[in-house]
Amino acid sequence: MNIRFGRAQLHLERRELIRLHDPRGARVECVRGALWITQNEDRRDYFLAANDALTLDRPGLALIHAQEPSEIVLSEPPPRLRFGRTLLAALRAAGRRFARSFGPESIDRPGNRRYYGL
């Protein structure tokens, strides 16, 4: 989603429309009224009545349309745990160093010949 709000309660009039860009993981709760929800690249449409909820699971655009005056609660998705490329590269490099020091390649290293009796 492009606006960070954590959680928002909104009132929609009949036929009012909300566009959410990249809302994957966001939760829509219909407190009162009726909603029609459609997501990008999803053939299904969702209809929420009072006390229904839906977690949006697609990237791209999602549309929320009020079929009648409605109260909704939008909750942002929890933050995703992401390993950065730098961290992954550092872990791979550490693994390679470990393999050179203690793996099969370490036998051919000059400093290790004494240890292996070569």
PDB file of N, CA and C in Angstrom:
ATOM      1  N   MET A   1       0.853  -1.158   0.000  1.00  0.00           N
ATOM      2  CA  MET A   1       0.000   0.000   0.000  1.00  0.00           C
ATOM      3  C   MET A   1       0.907   1.232   0.000  1.00  0.00           C
ATOM      4  N   ASN A   2       0.472   2.266  -0.588  1.00  0.00           N
ATOM      5  CA  ASN A   2       1.336   3.424  -0.726  1.00  0.00           C
ATOM      6  C   ASN A   2       1.185   4.452   0.398  1.00  0.00           C
ATOM      7  N   ILE A   3       0.214   4.316   1.261  1.00  0.00           N
ATOM      8  CA  ILE A   3       0.065   5.205   2.411  1.00  0.00           C
ATOM      9  C   ILE A   3       0.185   4.343   3.660  1.00  0.00           C
ATOM     10  N   ARG A   4       1.042   4.750   4.580  1.00  0.00           N
ATOM     11  CA  ARG A   4       1.233   3.996   5.814  1.00  0.00           C
ATOM     12  C   ARG A   4       0.316   4.563   6.894  1.00  0.00           C
ATOM     13  N   PHE A   5      -0.567   3.727   7.410  1.00  0.00           N
ATOM     14  CA  PHE A   5      -1.504   4.214   8.411  1.00  0.00           C
ATOM     15  C   PHE A   5      -1.699   3.232   9.553  1.00  0.00           C
ATOM     16  N   GLY A   6      -1.211   2.022   9.464  1.00  0.00           N
ATOM     17  CA  GLY A   6      -1.400   1.029  10.518  1.00  0.00           C
ATOM     18  C   GLY A   6      -2.808   0.477  10.505  1.00  0.00           C
ATOM     19  N   ARG A   7      -3.746   1.286  10.942  1.00  0.00           N
ATOM     20  CA  ARG A   7      -5.149   0.869  10.993  1.00  0.00           C
ATOM     21  C   ARG A   7      -6.010   2.119  10.812  1.00  0.00           C
ATOM     22  N   ALA A   8      -7.019   2.021   9.976  1.00  0.00           N
ATOM     23  CA  ALA A   8      -7.893   3.170   9.729  1.00  0.00           C
ATOM     24  C   ALA A   8      -9.347   2.707   9.671  1.00  0.00           C
ATOM     25  N   GLN A   9     -10.221   3.473  10.297  1.00  0.00           N
ATOM     26  CA  GLN A   9     -11.654   3.204  10.211  1.00  0.00           C
ATOM     27  C   GLN A   9     -12.257   4.268   9.311  1.00  0.00           C
ATOM     28  N   LEU A  10     -12.990   3.819   8.299  1.00  0.00           N
ATOM     29  CA  LEU A  10     -13.532   4.727   7.296  1.00  0.00           C
ATOM     30  C   LEU A  10     -15.036   4.544   7.157  1.00  0.00           C
ATOM     31  N   HIS A  11     -15.706   5.630   6.798  1.00  0.00           N
ATOM     32  CA  HIS A  11     -17.131   5.589   6.466  1.00  0.00           C
ATOM     33  C   HIS A  11     -17.247   5.793   4.952  1.00  0.00           C
ATOM     34  N   LEU A  12     -17.923   4.886   4.292  1.00  0.00           N
ATOM     35  CA  LEU A  12     -18.147   5.002   2.851  1.00  0.00           C
ATOM     36  C   LEU A  12     -19.631   5.177   2.580  1.00  0.00           C
ATOM     37  N   GLU A  13     -19.934   6.128   1.742  1.00  0.00           N
ATOM     38  CA  GLU A  13     -21.311   6.295   1.293  1.00  0.00           C
ATOM     39  C   GLU A  13     -21.602   5.245   0.215  1.00  0.00           C
ATOM     40  N   ARG A  14     -22.887   5.061  -0.084  1.00  0.00           N
ATOM     41  CA  ARG A  14     -23.289   4.122  -1.136  1.00  0.00           C
ATOM     42  C   ARG A  14     -22.601   4.502  -2.443  1.00  0.00           C
ATOM     43  N   ARG A  15     -22.031   3.513  -3.147  1.00  0.00           N
ATOM     44  CA  ARG A  15     -21.354   3.641  -4.439  1.00  0.00           C
ATOM     45  C   ARG A  15     -19.986   4.327  -4.351  1.00  0.00           C
ATOM     46  N   GLU A  16     -19.486   4.554  -3.144  1.00  0.00           N
ATOM     47  CA  GLU A  16     -18.160   5.139  -3.003  1.00  0.00           C
ATOM     48  C   GLU A  16     -17.104   4.048  -3.222  1.00  0.00           C
ATOM     49  N   LEU A  17     -15.969   4.451  -3.784  1.00  0.00           N
ATOM     50  CA  LEU A  17     -14.937   3.493  -4.194  1.00  0.00           C
ATOM     51  C   LEU A  17     -13.592   3.873  -3.582  1.00  0.00           C
ATOM     52  N   ILE A  18     -12.861   2.858  -3.128  1.00  0.00           N
ATOM     53  CA  ILE A  18     -11.490   3.048  -2.633  1.00  0.00           C
ATOM     54  C   ILE A  18     -10.571   2.203  -3.495  1.00  0.00           C
ATOM     55  N   ARG A  19      -9.461   2.804  -3.925  1.00  0.00           N
ATOM     56  CA  ARG A  19      -8.436   2.082  -4.684  1.00  0.00           C
ATOM     57  C   ARG A  19      -7.234   1.867  -3.786  1.00  0.00           C
ATOM     58  N   LEU A  20      -6.781   0.626  -3.695  1.00  0.00           N
ATOM     59  CA  LEU A  20      -5.585   0.305  -2.917  1.00  0.00           C
ATOM     60  C   LEU A  20      -4.532  -0.241  -3.871  1.00  0.00           C
ATOM     61  N   HIS A  21      -3.355   0.364  -3.848  1.00  0.00           N
ATOM     62  CA  HIS A  21      -2.268  -0.082  -4.723  1.00  0.00           C
ATOM     63  C   HIS A  21      -1.321  -0.974  -3.935  1.00  0.00           C
ATOM     64  N   ASP A  22      -1.097  -2.176  -4.438  1.00  0.00           N
ATOM     65  CA  ASP A  22      -0.243  -3.196  -3.828  1.00  0.00           C
ATOM     66  C   ASP A  22      -0.608  -3.442  -2.361  1.00  0.00           C
ATOM     67  N   PRO A  23      -1.839  -3.895  -2.104  1.00  0.00           N
ATOM     68  CA  PRO A  23      -2.296  -4.071  -0.722  1.00  0.00           C
ATOM     69  C   PRO A  23      -2.073  -5.474  -0.161  1.00  0.00           C
ATOM     70  N   ARG A  24      -1.208  -6.267  -0.782  1.00  0.00           N
ATOM     71  CA  ARG A  24      -1.046  -7.658  -0.355  1.00  0.00           C
ATOM     72  C   ARG A  24      -0.807  -7.734   1.156  1.00  0.00           C
ATOM     73  N   GLY A  25      -1.610  -8.536   1.836  1.00  0.00           N
ATOM     74  CA  GLY A  25      -1.500  -8.710   3.275  1.00  0.00           C
ATOM     75  C   GLY A  25      -2.396  -7.791   4.080  1.00  0.00           C
ATOM     76  N   ALA A  26      -2.960  -6.754   3.450  1.00  0.00           N
ATOM     77  CA  ALA A  26      -3.850  -5.840   4.171  1.00  0.00           C
ATOM     78  C   ALA A  26      -5.169  -6.549   4.483  1.00  0.00           C
ATOM     79  N   ARG A  27      -5.776  -6.163   5.583  1.00  0.00           N
ATOM     80  CA  ARG A  27      -7.036  -6.777   6.008  1.00  0.00           C
ATOM     81  C   ARG A  27      -8.153  -5.742   5.910  1.00  0.00           C
ATOM     82  N   VAL A  28      -9.279  -6.166   5.328  1.00  0.00           N
ATOM     83  CA  VAL A  28     -10.463  -5.309   5.200  1.00  0.00           C
ATOM     84  C   VAL A  28     -11.558  -5.933   6.058  1.00  0.00           C
ATOM     85  N   GLU A  29     -12.057  -5.152   7.005  1.00  0.00           N
ATOM     86  CA  GLU A  29     -13.151  -5.615   7.861  1.00  0.00           C
ATOM     87  C   GLU A  29     -14.370  -4.742   7.604  1.00  0.00           C
ATOM     88  N   CYS A  30     -15.486  -5.372   7.363  1.00  0.00           N
ATOM     89  CA  CYS A  30     -16.740  -4.640   7.179  1.00  0.00           C
ATOM     90  C   CYS A  30     -17.457  -4.619   8.529  1.00  0.00           C
ATOM     91  N   VAL A  31     -17.504  -3.442   9.149  1.00  0.00           N
ATOM     92  CA  VAL A  31     -18.140  -3.303  10.457  1.00  0.00           C
ATOM     93  C   VAL A  31     -19.660  -3.209  10.292  1.00  0.00           C
ATOM     94  N   ARG A  32     -20.069  -2.460   9.269  1.00  0.00           N
ATOM     95  CA  ARG A  32     -21.500  -2.305   8.984  1.00  0.00           C
ATOM     96  C   ARG A  32     -21.642  -2.019   7.502  1.00  0.00           C
ATOM     97  N   GLY A  33     -22.725  -2.476   6.899  1.00  0.00           N
ATOM     98  CA  GLY A  33     -22.977  -2.229   5.489  1.00  0.00           C
ATOM     99  C   GLY A  33     -22.638  -3.434   4.635  1.00  0.00           C
ATOM    100  N   ALA A  34     -22.295  -3.163   3.370  1.00  0.00           N
ATOM    101  CA  ALA A  34     -21.968  -4.231   2.425  1.00  0.00           C
ATOM    102  C   ALA A  34     -20.905  -3.715   1.455  1.00  0.00           C
ATOM    103  N   LEU A  35     -19.909  -4.558   1.181  1.00  0.00           N
ATOM    104  CA  LEU A  35     -18.798  -4.183   0.314  1.00  0.00           C
ATOM    105  C   LEU A  35     -18.628  -5.191  -0.804  1.00  0.00           C
ATOM    106  N   TRP A  36     -18.172  -4.705  -1.935  1.00  0.00           N
ATOM    107  CA  TRP A  36     -17.749  -5.541  -3.056  1.00  0.00           C
ATOM    108  C   TRP A  36     -16.262  -5.276  -3.232  1.00  0.00           C
ATOM    109  N   ILE A  37     -15.459  -6.345  -3.264  1.00  0.00           N
ATOM    110  CA  ILE A  37     -14.009  -6.208  -3.374  1.00  0.00           C
ATOM    111  C   ILE A  37     -13.521  -7.049  -4.541  1.00  0.00           C
ATOM    112  N   THR A  38     -12.669  -6.465  -5.355  1.00  0.00           N
ATOM    113  CA  THR A  38     -12.031  -7.196  -6.442  1.00  0.00           C
ATOM    114  C   THR A  38     -10.537  -6.879  -6.404  1.00  0.00           C
ATOM    115  N   GLN A  39      -9.731  -7.882  -6.787  1.00  0.00           N
ATOM    116  CA  GLN A  39      -8.281  -7.742  -6.776  1.00  0.00           C
ATOM    117  C   GLN A  39      -7.723  -7.995  -8.169  1.00  0.00           C
ATOM    118  N   ASN A  40      -6.580  -7.413  -8.410  1.00  0.00           N
ATOM    119  CA  ASN A  40      -5.876  -7.604  -9.679  1.00  0.00           C
ATOM    120  C   ASN A  40      -5.555  -9.088  -9.880  1.00  0.00           C
ATOM    121  N   GLU A  41      -5.794  -9.581 -11.084  1.00  0.00           N
ATOM    122  CA  GLU A  41      -5.510 -10.958 -11.489  1.00  0.00           C
ATOM    123  C   GLU A  41      -6.191 -12.007 -10.606  1.00  0.00           C
ATOM    124  N   ASP A  42      -7.360 -11.688 -10.097  1.00  0.00           N
ATOM    125  CA  ASP A  42      -8.166 -12.638  -9.331  1.00  0.00           C
ATOM    126  C   ASP A  42      -9.536 -12.697  -9.991  1.00  0.00           C
ATOM    127  N   ARG A  43      -9.916 -13.866 -10.432  1.00  0.00           N
ATOM    128  CA  ARG A  43     -11.197 -14.002 -11.130  1.00  0.00           C
ATOM    129  C   ARG A  43     -12.393 -13.926 -10.192  1.00  0.00           C
ATOM    130  N   ARG A  44     -12.120 -14.091  -8.909  1.00  0.00           N
ATOM    131  CA  ARG A  44     -13.218 -14.058  -7.942  1.00  0.00           C
ATOM    132  C   ARG A  44     -13.466 -12.632  -7.463  1.00  0.00           C
ATOM    133  N   ASP A  45     -14.712 -12.346  -7.154  1.00  0.00           N
ATOM    134  CA  ASP A  45     -15.093 -11.111  -6.487  1.00  0.00           C
ATOM    135  C   ASP A  45     -15.542 -11.495  -5.087  1.00  0.00           C
ATOM    136  N   TYR A  46     -15.366 -10.590  -4.150  1.00  0.00           N
ATOM    137  CA  TYR A  46     -15.699 -10.869  -2.762  1.00  0.00           C
ATOM    138  C   TYR A  46     -16.762  -9.883  -2.305  1.00  0.00           C
ATOM    139  N   PHE A  47     -17.770 -10.395  -1.616  1.00  0.00           N
ATOM    140  CA  PHE A  47     -18.821  -9.573  -1.052  1.00  0.00           C
ATOM    141  C   PHE A  47     -18.779  -9.732   0.458  1.00  0.00           C
ATOM    142  N   LEU A  48     -18.590  -8.621   1.156  1.00  0.00           N
ATOM    143  CA  LEU A  48     -18.535  -8.651   2.610  1.00  0.00           C
ATOM    144  C   LEU A  48     -19.754  -7.962   3.178  1.00  0.00           C
ATOM    145  N   ALA A  49     -20.364  -8.604   4.151  1.00  0.00           N
ATOM    146  CA  ALA A  49     -21.468  -8.009   4.901  1.00  0.00           C
ATOM    147  C   ALA A  49     -20.925  -7.619   6.279  1.00  0.00           C
ATOM    148  N   ALA A  50     -21.788  -7.104   7.129  1.00  0.00           N
ATOM    149  CA  ALA A  50     -21.357  -6.700   8.469  1.00  0.00           C
ATOM    150  C   ALA A  50     -20.682  -7.871   9.185  1.00  0.00           C
ATOM    151  N   ASN A  51     -19.582  -7.577   9.858  1.00  0.00           N
ATOM    152  CA  ASN A  51     -18.791  -8.538  10.632  1.00  0.00           C
ATOM    153  C   ASN A  51     -18.006  -9.532   9.783  1.00  0.00           C
ATOM    154  N   ASP A  52     -17.888  -9.301   8.482  1.00  0.00           N
ATOM    155  CA  ASP A  52     -17.044 -10.133   7.621  1.00  0.00           C
ATOM    156  C   ASP A  52     -15.693  -9.448   7.443  1.00  0.00           C
ATOM    157  N   ALA A  53     -14.686 -10.244   7.117  1.00  0.00           N
ATOM    158  CA  ALA A  53     -13.344  -9.693   6.887  1.00  0.00           C
ATOM    159  C   ALA A  53     -12.669 -10.475   5.767  1.00  0.00           C
ATOM    160  N   LEU A  54     -11.712  -9.817   5.133  1.00  0.00           N
ATOM    161  CA  LEU A  54     -10.955 -10.429   4.043  1.00  0.00           C
ATOM    162  C   LEU A  54      -9.519  -9.915   4.110  1.00  0.00           C
ATOM    163  N   THR A  55      -8.559 -10.822   3.952  1.00  0.00           N
ATOM    164  CA  THR A  55      -7.162 -10.429   3.832  1.00  0.00           C
ATOM    165  C   THR A  55      -6.811 -10.457   2.354  1.00  0.00           C
ATOM    166  N   LEU A  56      -6.376  -9.340   1.827  1.00  0.00           N
ATOM    167  CA  LEU A  56      -6.043  -9.224   0.410  1.00  0.00           C
ATOM    168  C   LEU A  56      -4.726  -9.951   0.156  1.00  0.00           C
ATOM    169  N   ASP A  57      -4.704 -10.758  -0.898  1.00  0.00           N
ATOM    170  CA  ASP A  57      -3.527 -11.609  -1.116  1.00  0.00           C
ATOM    171  C   ASP A  57      -2.868 -11.419  -2.475  1.00  0.00           C
ATOM    172  N   ARG A  58      -3.176 -10.357  -3.173  1.00  0.00           N
ATOM    173  CA  ARG A  58      -2.611 -10.131  -4.508  1.00  0.00           C
ATOM    174  C   ARG A  58      -1.883  -8.798  -4.575  1.00  0.00           C
ATOM    175  N   PRO A  59      -0.801  -8.750  -5.354  1.00  0.00           N
ATOM    176  CA  PRO A  59      -0.178  -7.450  -5.619  1.00  0.00           C
ATOM    177  C   PRO A  59      -1.002  -6.710  -6.668  1.00  0.00           C
ATOM    178  N   GLY A  60      -0.667  -5.487  -6.934  1.00  0.00           N
ATOM    179  CA  GLY A  60      -1.396  -4.728  -7.952  1.00  0.00           C
ATOM    180  C   GLY A  60      -2.497  -3.911  -7.314  1.00  0.00           C
ATOM    181  N   LEU A  61      -3.577  -3.739  -8.033  1.00  0.00           N
ATOM    182  CA  LEU A  61      -4.680  -2.880  -7.608  1.00  0.00           C
ATOM    183  C   LEU A  61      -5.819  -3.694  -6.997  1.00  0.00           C
ATOM    184  N   ALA A  62      -6.394  -3.173  -5.922  1.00  0.00           N
ATOM    185  CA  ALA A  62      -7.606  -3.755  -5.333  1.00  0.00           C
ATOM    186  C   ALA A  62      -8.642  -2.633  -5.235  1.00  0.00           C
ATOM    187  N   LEU A  63      -9.886  -2.975  -5.522  1.00  0.00           N
ATOM    188  CA  LEU A  63     -10.982  -1.998  -5.454  1.00  0.00           C
ATOM    189  C   LEU A  63     -11.970  -2.430  -4.375  1.00  0.00           C
ATOM    190  N   ILE A  64     -12.366  -1.475  -3.563  1.00  0.00           N
ATOM    191  CA  ILE A  64     -13.387  -1.705  -2.539  1.00  0.00           C
ATOM    192  C   ILE A  64     -14.543  -0.762  -2.862  1.00  0.00           C
ATOM    193  N   HIS A  65     -15.704  -1.329  -3.115  1.00  0.00           N
ATOM    194  CA  HIS A  65     -16.876  -0.556  -3.518  1.00  0.00           C
ATOM    195  C   HIS A  65     -17.981  -0.766  -2.489  1.00  0.00           C
ATOM    196  N   ALA A  66     -18.522   0.324  -1.971  1.00  0.00           N
ATOM    197  CA  ALA A  66     -19.602   0.235  -0.989  1.00  0.00           C
ATOM    198  C   ALA A  66     -20.936   0.037  -1.717  1.00  0.00           C
ATOM    199  N   GLN A  67     -21.615  -1.034  -1.396  1.00  0.00           N
ATOM    200  CA  GLN A  67     -22.923  -1.319  -1.984  1.00  0.00           C
ATOM    201  C   GLN A  67     -24.030  -0.528  -1.280  1.00  0.00           C
ATOM    202  N   GLU A  68     -23.761  -0.158  -0.039  1.00  0.00           N
ATOM    203  CA  GLU A  68     -24.662   0.664   0.766  1.00  0.00           C
ATOM    204  C   GLU A  68     -23.781   1.414   1.761  1.00  0.00           C
ATOM    205  N   PRO A  69     -24.303   2.390   2.497  1.00  0.00           N
ATOM    206  CA  PRO A  69     -23.451   3.089   3.464  1.00  0.00           C
ATOM    207  C   PRO A  69     -22.775   2.080   4.385  1.00  0.00           C
ATOM    208  N   SER A  70     -21.446   2.198   4.506  1.00  0.00           N
ATOM    209  CA  SER A  70     -20.662   1.173   5.202  1.00  0.00           C
ATOM    210  C   SER A  70     -19.596   1.790   6.089  1.00  0.00           C
ATOM    211  N   GLU A  71     -19.257   1.049   7.125  1.00  0.00           N
ATOM    212  CA  GLU A  71     -18.116   1.366   7.986  1.00  0.00           C
ATOM    213  C   GLU A  71     -17.122   0.233   7.792  1.00  0.00           C
ATOM    214  N   ILE A  72     -15.880   0.605   7.479  1.00  0.00           N
ATOM    215  CA  ILE A  72     -14.863  -0.421   7.278  1.00  0.00           C
ATOM    216  C   ILE A  72     -13.625  -0.092   8.103  1.00  0.00           C
ATOM    217  N   VAL A  73     -12.857  -1.126   8.387  1.00  0.00           N
ATOM    218  CA  VAL A  73     -11.570  -0.968   9.056  1.00  0.00           C
ATOM    219  C   VAL A  73     -10.519  -1.578   8.133  1.00  0.00           C
ATOM    220  N   LEU A  74      -9.534  -0.768   7.783  1.00  0.00           N
ATOM    221  CA  LEU A  74      -8.405  -1.234   6.972  1.00  0.00           C
ATOM    222  C   LEU A  74      -7.201  -1.372   7.890  1.00  0.00           C
ATOM    223  N   SER A  75      -6.568  -2.520   7.863  1.00  0.00           N
ATOM    224  CA  SER A  75      -5.375  -2.765   8.663  1.00  0.00           C
ATOM    225  C   SER A  75      -4.229  -3.112   7.736  1.00  0.00           C
ATOM    226  N   GLU A  76      -3.093  -2.461   7.957  1.00  0.00           N
ATOM    227  CA  GLU A  76      -1.921  -2.744   7.127  1.00  0.00           C
ATOM    228  C   GLU A  76      -1.374  -4.116   7.461  1.00  0.00           C
ATOM    229  N   PRO A  77      -0.697  -4.726   6.497  1.00  0.00           N
ATOM    230  CA  PRO A  77      -0.097  -6.033   6.770  1.00  0.00           C
ATOM    231  C   PRO A  77       1.056  -5.882   7.759  1.00  0.00           C
ATOM    232  N   PRO A  78       1.332  -6.957   8.507  1.00  0.00           N
ATOM    233  CA  PRO A  78       2.502  -6.900   9.380  1.00  0.00           C
ATOM    234  C   PRO A  78       3.757  -6.790   8.523  1.00  0.00           C
ATOM    235  N   PRO A  79       4.817  -6.194   9.039  1.00  0.00           N
ATOM    236  CA  PRO A  79       6.028  -6.055   8.224  1.00  0.00           C
ATOM    237  C   PRO A  79       6.590  -7.422   7.849  1.00  0.00           C
ATOM    238  N   ARG A  80       7.042  -7.527   6.624  1.00  0.00           N
ATOM    239  CA  ARG A  80       7.627  -8.783   6.142  1.00  0.00           C
ATOM    240  C   ARG A  80       9.090  -8.828   6.540  1.00  0.00           C
ATOM    241  N   LEU A  81       9.518 -10.002   6.939  1.00  0.00           N
ATOM    242  CA  LEU A  81      10.932 -10.171   7.246  1.00  0.00           C
ATOM    243  C   LEU A  81      11.661 -10.415   5.940  1.00  0.00           C
ATOM    244  N   ARG A  82      12.610  -9.552   5.673  1.00  0.00           N
ATOM    245  CA  ARG A  82      13.370  -9.676   4.430  1.00  0.00           C
ATOM    246  C   ARG A  82      14.853  -9.687   4.753  1.00  0.00           C
ATOM    247  N   PHE A  83      15.549 -10.626   4.158  1.00  0.00           N
ATOM    248  CA  PHE A  83      16.995 -10.629   4.270  1.00  0.00           C
ATOM    249  C   PHE A  83      17.534  -9.850   3.087  1.00  0.00           C
ATOM    250  N   GLY A  84      18.299  -8.844   3.380  1.00  0.00           N
ATOM    251  CA  GLY A  84      18.873  -8.032   2.317  1.00  0.00           C
ATOM    252  C   GLY A  84      19.928  -8.798   1.546  1.00  0.00           C
ATOM    253  N   ARG A  85      20.173  -8.352   0.351  1.00  0.00           N
ATOM    254  CA  ARG A  85      21.188  -8.998  -0.482  1.00  0.00           C
ATOM    255  C   ARG A  85      22.555  -8.941   0.172  1.00  0.00           C
ATOM    256  N   THR A  86      22.836  -7.857   0.882  1.00  0.00           N
ATOM    257  CA  THR A  86      24.134  -7.718   1.533  1.00  0.00           C
ATOM    258  C   THR A  86      24.311  -8.782   2.601  1.00  0.00           C
ATOM    259  N   LEU A  87      23.276  -9.023   3.393  1.00  0.00           N
ATOM    260  CA  LEU A  87      23.359 -10.032   4.436  1.00  0.00           C
ATOM    261  C   LEU A  87      23.545 -11.415   3.841  1.00  0.00           C
ATOM    262  N   LEU A  88      22.796 -11.730   2.793  1.00  0.00           N
ATOM    263  CA  LEU A  88      22.941 -13.040   2.159  1.00  0.00           C
ATOM    264  C   LEU A  88      24.336 -13.220   1.556  1.00  0.00           C
ATOM    265  N   ALA A  89      24.863 -12.181   0.935  1.00  0.00           N
ATOM    266  CA  ALA A  89      26.210 -12.268   0.373  1.00  0.00           C
ATOM    267  C   ALA A  89      27.235 -12.490   1.478  1.00  0.00           C
ATOM    268  N   ALA A  90      27.061 -11.809   2.614  1.00  0.00           N
ATOM    269  CA  ALA A  90      27.994 -11.992   3.732  1.00  0.00           C
ATOM    270  C   ALA A  90      27.919 -13.408   4.277  1.00  0.00           C
ATOM    271  N   LEU A  91      26.731 -13.966   4.389  1.00  0.00           N
ATOM    272  CA  LEU A  91      26.592 -15.343   4.873  1.00  0.00           C
ATOM    273  C   LEU A  91      27.221 -16.341   3.905  1.00  0.00           C
ATOM    274  N   ARG A  92      27.044 -16.122   2.618  1.00  0.00           N
ATOM    275  CA  ARG A  92      27.661 -17.015   1.634  1.00  0.00           C
ATOM    276  C   ARG A  92      29.181 -16.941   1.696  1.00  0.00           C
ATOM    277  N   ALA A  93      29.714 -15.714   1.819  1.00  0.00           N
ATOM    278  CA  ALA A  93      31.171 -15.553   1.895  1.00  0.00           C
ATOM    279  C   ALA A  93      31.711 -16.220   3.151  1.00  0.00           C
ATOM    280  N   ALA A  94      31.016 -16.086   4.275  1.00  0.00           N
ATOM    281  CA  ALA A  94      31.457 -16.732   5.512  1.00  0.00           C
ATOM    282  C   ALA A  94      31.438 -18.247   5.350  1.00  0.00           C
ATOM    283  N   GLY A  95      30.428 -18.759   4.671  1.00  0.00           N
ATOM    284  CA  GLY A  95      30.358 -20.205   4.422  1.00  0.00           C
ATOM    285  C   GLY A  95      31.508 -20.688   3.560  1.00  0.00           C
ATOM    286  N   ARG A  96      31.864 -19.899   2.548  1.00  0.00           N
ATOM    287  CA  ARG A  96      32.994 -20.289   1.686  1.00  0.00           C
ATOM    288  C   ARG A  96      34.296 -20.267   2.470  1.00  0.00           C
ATOM    289  N   ARG A  97      34.477 -19.237   3.313  1.00  0.00           N
ATOM    290  CA  ARG A  97      35.694 -19.177   4.134  1.00  0.00           C
ATOM    291  C   ARG A  97      35.757 -20.357   5.089  1.00  0.00           C
ATOM    292  N   PHE A  98      34.638 -20.714   5.671  1.00  0.00           N
ATOM    293  CA  PHE A  98      34.587 -21.847   6.578  1.00  0.00           C
ATOM    294  C   PHE A  98      34.966 -23.128   5.837  1.00  0.00           C
ATOM    295  N   ALA A  99      34.421 -23.311   4.631  1.00  0.00           N
ATOM    296  CA  ALA A  99      34.720 -24.516   3.850  1.00  0.00           C
ATOM    297  C   ALA A  99      36.197 -24.561   3.474  1.00  0.00           C
ATOM    298  N   ARG A 100      36.807 -23.402   3.140  1.00  0.00           N
ATOM    299  CA  ARG A 100      38.231 -23.391   2.797  1.00  0.00           C
ATOM    300  C   ARG A 100      39.092 -23.716   4.002  1.00  0.00           C
ATOM    301  N   SER A 101      38.662 -23.302   5.187  1.00  0.00           N
ATOM    302  CA  SER A 101      39.466 -23.525   6.387  1.00  0.00           C
ATOM    303  C   SER A 101      39.312 -24.930   6.942  1.00  0.00           C
ATOM    304  N   PHE A 102      38.124 -25.496   6.858  1.00  0.00           N
ATOM    305  CA  PHE A 102      37.875 -26.779   7.506  1.00  0.00           C
ATOM    306  C   PHE A 102      37.359 -27.869   6.580  1.00  0.00           C
ATOM    307  N   GLY A 103      37.050 -27.526   5.348  1.00  0.00           N
ATOM    308  CA  GLY A 103      36.515 -28.509   4.418  1.00  0.00           C
ATOM    309  C   GLY A 103      37.619 -29.239   3.680  1.00  0.00           C
ATOM    310  N   PRO A 104      37.276 -30.017   2.664  1.00  0.00           N
ATOM    311  CA  PRO A 104      38.260 -30.791   1.905  1.00  0.00           C
ATOM    312  C   PRO A 104      39.336 -29.927   1.254  1.00  0.00           C
ATOM    313  N   GLU A 105      38.975 -28.673   0.879  1.00  0.00           N
ATOM    314  CA  GLU A 105      39.958 -27.804   0.244  1.00  0.00           C
ATOM    315  C   GLU A 105      41.082 -27.426   1.200  1.00  0.00           C
ATOM    316  N   SER A 106      40.854 -27.499   2.500  1.00  0.00           N
ATOM    317  CA  SER A 106      41.850 -27.056   3.476  1.00  0.00           C
ATOM    318  C   SER A 106      43.059 -27.987   3.532  1.00  0.00           C
ATOM    319  N   ILE A 107      42.967 -29.205   3.060  1.00  0.00           N
ATOM    320  CA  ILE A 107      44.086 -30.163   3.102  1.00  0.00           C
ATOM    321  C   ILE A 107      45.224 -29.684   2.217  1.00  0.00           C
ATOM    322  N   ASP A 108      44.907 -29.059   1.082  1.00  0.00           N
ATOM    323  CA  ASP A 108      45.934 -28.626   0.133  1.00  0.00           C
ATOM    324  C   ASP A 108      46.582 -27.304   0.514  1.00  0.00           C
ATOM    325  N   ARG A 109      46.123 -26.634   1.523  1.00  0.00           N
ATOM    326  CA  ARG A 109      46.699 -25.341   1.898  1.00  0.00           C
ATOM    327  C   ARG A 109      48.031 -25.553   2.611  1.00  0.00           C
ATOM    328  N   PRO A 110      49.029 -24.732   2.300  1.00  0.00           N
ATOM    329  CA  PRO A 110      50.361 -24.923   2.881  1.00  0.00           C
ATOM    330  C   PRO A 110      50.375 -24.891   4.402  1.00  0.00           C
ATOM    331  N   GLY A 111      49.615 -24.051   5.033  1.00  0.00           N
ATOM    332  CA  GLY A 111      49.632 -23.958   6.484  1.00  0.00           C
ATOM    333  C   GLY A 111      49.048 -25.177   7.169  1.00  0.00           C
ATOM    334  N   ASN A 112      48.268 -25.962   6.465  1.00  0.00           N
ATOM    335  CA  ASN A 112      47.593 -27.109   7.062  1.00  0.00           C
ATOM    336  C   ASN A 112      48.342 -28.418   6.831  1.00  0.00           C
ATOM    337  N   ARG A 113      49.410 -28.416   6.086  1.00  0.00           N
ATOM    338  CA  ARG A 113      50.132 -29.663   5.797  1.00  0.00           C
ATOM    339  C   ARG A 113      50.694 -30.282   7.060  1.00  0.00           C
ATOM    340  N   ARG A 114      51.180 -29.428   7.993  1.00  0.00           N
ATOM    341  CA  ARG A 114      51.713 -29.967   9.239  1.00  0.00           C
ATOM    342  C   ARG A 114      50.616 -30.668  10.019  1.00  0.00           C
ATOM    343  N   TYR A 115      49.449 -30.059  10.054  1.00  0.00           N
ATOM    344  CA  TYR A 115      48.359 -30.600  10.842  1.00  0.00           C
ATOM    345  C   TYR A 115      47.945 -31.987  10.329  1.00  0.00           C
ATOM    346  N   TYR A 116      47.943 -32.150   9.013  1.00  0.00           N
ATOM    347  CA  TYR A 116      47.508 -33.411   8.424  1.00  0.00           C
ATOM    348  C   TYR A 116      48.655 -34.383   8.253  1.00  0.00           C
ATOM    349  N   GLY A 117      49.876 -33.996   8.644  1.00  0.00           N
ATOM    350  CA  GLY A 117      51.035 -34.899   8.543  1.00  0.00           C
ATOM    351  C   GLY A 117      51.530 -35.064   7.131  1.00  0.00           C
ATOM    352  N   LEU A 118      51.334 -34.069   6.267  1.00  0.00           N
ATOM    353  CA  LEU A 118      51.798 -34.161   4.879  1.00  0.00           C
ATOM    354  C   LEU A 118      53.130 -33.499   4.692  1.00  0.00           C
TER     355      LEU A 118
END
